[in-house]
Protein backbone atom coordinates (compact mmCIF):
# COMPACT_ATOMS: atom_id res chain seq x y z
CA UNK A 1 0.00 0.00 0.00
CA UNK A 2 1.49 3.36 -0.99
CA UNK A 3 2.66 5.73 1.74
CA UNK A 4 1.76 9.39 1.98
CA UNK A 5 4.71 11.57 2.90
CA UNK A 6 3.94 15.28 3.15
CA UNK A 7 0.89 14.84 0.92
CA UNK A 8 2.68 12.85 -1.82
CA UNK A 9 2.10 9.13 -2.36
CA UNK A 10 5.19 6.93 -2.63
CA UNK A 11 5.50 3.27 -3.62
CA UNK A 12 8.20 0.83 -2.54
CA UNK A 13 9.93 -1.01 -5.39
CA UNK A 14 7.86 -4.21 -4.94
CA UNK A 15 4.64 -2.16 -4.85
CA UNK A 16 5.63 -0.18 -7.94
CA UNK A 17 6.59 -3.35 -9.81
CA UNK A 18 3.21 -4.87 -8.99
CA UNK A 19 1.45 -1.70 -10.12
CA UNK A 20 3.31 -1.81 -13.45
CA UNK A 21 2.86 -5.60 -13.81
CA UNK A 22 6.61 -6.21 -14.08
CA UNK A 23 9.22 -7.89 -11.87
CA UNK A 24 11.29 -6.00 -9.33
CA UNK A 25 14.37 -6.91 -11.37
CA UNK A 26 12.93 -5.29 -14.48
CA UNK A 27 11.93 -2.23 -12.45
CA UNK A 28 15.49 -1.90 -11.15
CA UNK A 29 16.70 -2.14 -14.74
CA UNK A 30 14.34 0.70 -15.71
CA UNK A 31 15.73 2.77 -12.84
CA UNK A 32 19.32 2.07 -13.99
CA UNK A 33 18.35 3.13 -17.53
CA UNK A 34 16.67 6.30 -16.18
CA UNK A 35 13.32 5.25 -17.65
CA UNK A 36 11.92 5.84 -14.14
CA UNK A 37 13.25 7.79 -11.19
CA UNK A 38 13.26 6.97 -7.50
CA UNK A 39 14.14 8.70 -4.27
CA UNK A 40 15.83 7.36 -1.20
CA UNK A 41 14.05 8.31 2.00
CA UNK A 42 15.96 6.92 4.94
CA UNK A 43 17.00 3.42 3.92
CA UNK A 44 14.05 2.87 1.61
CA UNK A 45 14.04 3.51 -2.12
CA UNK A 46 10.65 4.90 -3.14
CA UNK A 47 8.95 5.95 -6.36
CA UNK A 48 6.49 8.83 -6.49
CA UNK A 49 2.98 8.00 -7.64
CA UNK A 50 3.18 10.74 -10.31
CA UNK A 51 6.28 9.09 -11.82
CA UNK A 52 4.39 5.78 -12.09
CA UNK A 53 1.30 7.40 -13.62
CA UNK A 54 3.38 9.32 -16.18
CA UNK A 55 5.21 6.14 -17.17
CA UNK A 56 1.93 4.20 -17.46
CA UNK A 57 0.46 6.92 -19.68
CA UNK A 58 3.48 6.75 -22.00
CA UNK A 59 3.14 2.96 -22.27
CA UNK A 60 -0.53 3.17 -23.27
C-alpha atoms as a PDB file:
ATOM      1  CA  UNK A   1       0.000   0.000   0.000  1.00  0.00           C
ATOM      2  CA  UNK A   2       1.495   3.364  -0.989  1.00  0.00           C
ATOM      3  CA  UNK A   3       2.657   5.729   1.736  1.00  0.00           C
ATOM      4  CA  UNK A   4       1.758   9.385   1.978  1.00  0.00           C
ATOM      5  CA  UNK A   5       4.709  11.574   2.899  1.00  0.00           C
ATOM      6  CA  UNK A   6       3.939  15.282   3.145  1.00  0.00           C
ATOM      7  CA  UNK A   7       0.895  14.836   0.917  1.00  0.00           C
ATOM      8  CA  UNK A   8       2.680  12.847  -1.821  1.00  0.00           C
ATOM      9  CA  UNK A   9       2.096   9.130  -2.364  1.00  0.00           C
ATOM     10  CA  UNK A  10       5.193   6.933  -2.629  1.00  0.00           C
ATOM     11  CA  UNK A  11       5.495   3.268  -3.620  1.00  0.00           C
ATOM     12  CA  UNK A  12       8.199   0.825  -2.540  1.00  0.00           C
ATOM     13  CA  UNK A  13       9.933  -1.013  -5.385  1.00  0.00           C
ATOM     14  CA  UNK A  14       7.861  -4.212  -4.945  1.00  0.00           C
ATOM     15  CA  UNK A  15       4.645  -2.161  -4.850  1.00  0.00           C
ATOM     16  CA  UNK A  16       5.635  -0.177  -7.943  1.00  0.00           C
ATOM     17  CA  UNK A  17       6.588  -3.347  -9.812  1.00  0.00           C
ATOM     18  CA  UNK A  18       3.214  -4.866  -8.988  1.00  0.00           C
ATOM     19  CA  UNK A  19       1.447  -1.695 -10.118  1.00  0.00           C
ATOM     20  CA  UNK A  20       3.314  -1.810 -13.451  1.00  0.00           C
ATOM     21  CA  UNK A  21       2.855  -5.601 -13.807  1.00  0.00           C
ATOM     22  CA  UNK A  22       6.609  -6.215 -14.076  1.00  0.00           C
ATOM     23  CA  UNK A  23       9.217  -7.895 -11.873  1.00  0.00           C
ATOM     24  CA  UNK A  24      11.287  -6.003  -9.330  1.00  0.00           C
ATOM     25  CA  UNK A  25      14.368  -6.907 -11.369  1.00  0.00           C
ATOM     26  CA  UNK A  26      12.930  -5.295 -14.485  1.00  0.00           C
ATOM     27  CA  UNK A  27      11.930  -2.225 -12.446  1.00  0.00           C
ATOM     28  CA  UNK A  28      15.495  -1.903 -11.155  1.00  0.00           C
ATOM     29  CA  UNK A  29      16.698  -2.140 -14.744  1.00  0.00           C
ATOM     30  CA  UNK A  30      14.342   0.703 -15.714  1.00  0.00           C
ATOM     31  CA  UNK A  31      15.734   2.769 -12.845  1.00  0.00           C
ATOM     32  CA  UNK A  32      19.317   2.070 -13.993  1.00  0.00           C
ATOM     33  CA  UNK A  33      18.349   3.128 -17.532  1.00  0.00           C
ATOM     34  CA  UNK A  34      16.665   6.303 -16.181  1.00  0.00           C
ATOM     35  CA  UNK A  35      13.323   5.245 -17.650  1.00  0.00           C
ATOM     36  CA  UNK A  36      11.918   5.843 -14.142  1.00  0.00           C
ATOM     37  CA  UNK A  37      13.255   7.791 -11.185  1.00  0.00           C
ATOM     38  CA  UNK A  38      13.261   6.966  -7.501  1.00  0.00           C
ATOM     39  CA  UNK A  39      14.138   8.697  -4.270  1.00  0.00           C
ATOM     40  CA  UNK A  40      15.828   7.361  -1.197  1.00  0.00           C
ATOM     41  CA  UNK A  41      14.050   8.308   1.998  1.00  0.00           C
ATOM     42  CA  UNK A  42      15.960   6.923   4.938  1.00  0.00           C
ATOM     43  CA  UNK A  43      17.005   3.416   3.924  1.00  0.00           C
ATOM     44  CA  UNK A  44      14.054   2.866   1.608  1.00  0.00           C
ATOM     45  CA  UNK A  45      14.035   3.511  -2.123  1.00  0.00           C
ATOM     46  CA  UNK A  46      10.645   4.896  -3.138  1.00  0.00           C
ATOM     47  CA  UNK A  47       8.954   5.946  -6.364  1.00  0.00           C
ATOM     48  CA  UNK A  48       6.493   8.835  -6.494  1.00  0.00           C
ATOM     49  CA  UNK A  49       2.975   8.004  -7.644  1.00  0.00           C
ATOM     50  CA  UNK A  50       3.183  10.735 -10.311  1.00  0.00           C
ATOM     51  CA  UNK A  51       6.281   9.086 -11.817  1.00  0.00           C
ATOM     52  CA  UNK A  52       4.388   5.775 -12.091  1.00  0.00           C
ATOM     53  CA  UNK A  53       1.303   7.403 -13.623  1.00  0.00           C
ATOM     54  CA  UNK A  54       3.375   9.318 -16.179  1.00  0.00           C
ATOM     55  CA  UNK A  55       5.213   6.135 -17.166  1.00  0.00           C
ATOM     56  CA  UNK A  56       1.929   4.201 -17.462  1.00  0.00           C
ATOM     57  CA  UNK A  57       0.459   6.924 -19.679  1.00  0.00           C
ATOM     58  CA  UNK A  58       3.483   6.749 -22.003  1.00  0.00           C
ATOM     59  CA  UNK A  59       3.137   2.957 -22.266  1.00  0.00           C
ATOM     60  CA  UNK A  60      -0.535   3.174 -23.267  1.00  0.00           C
END
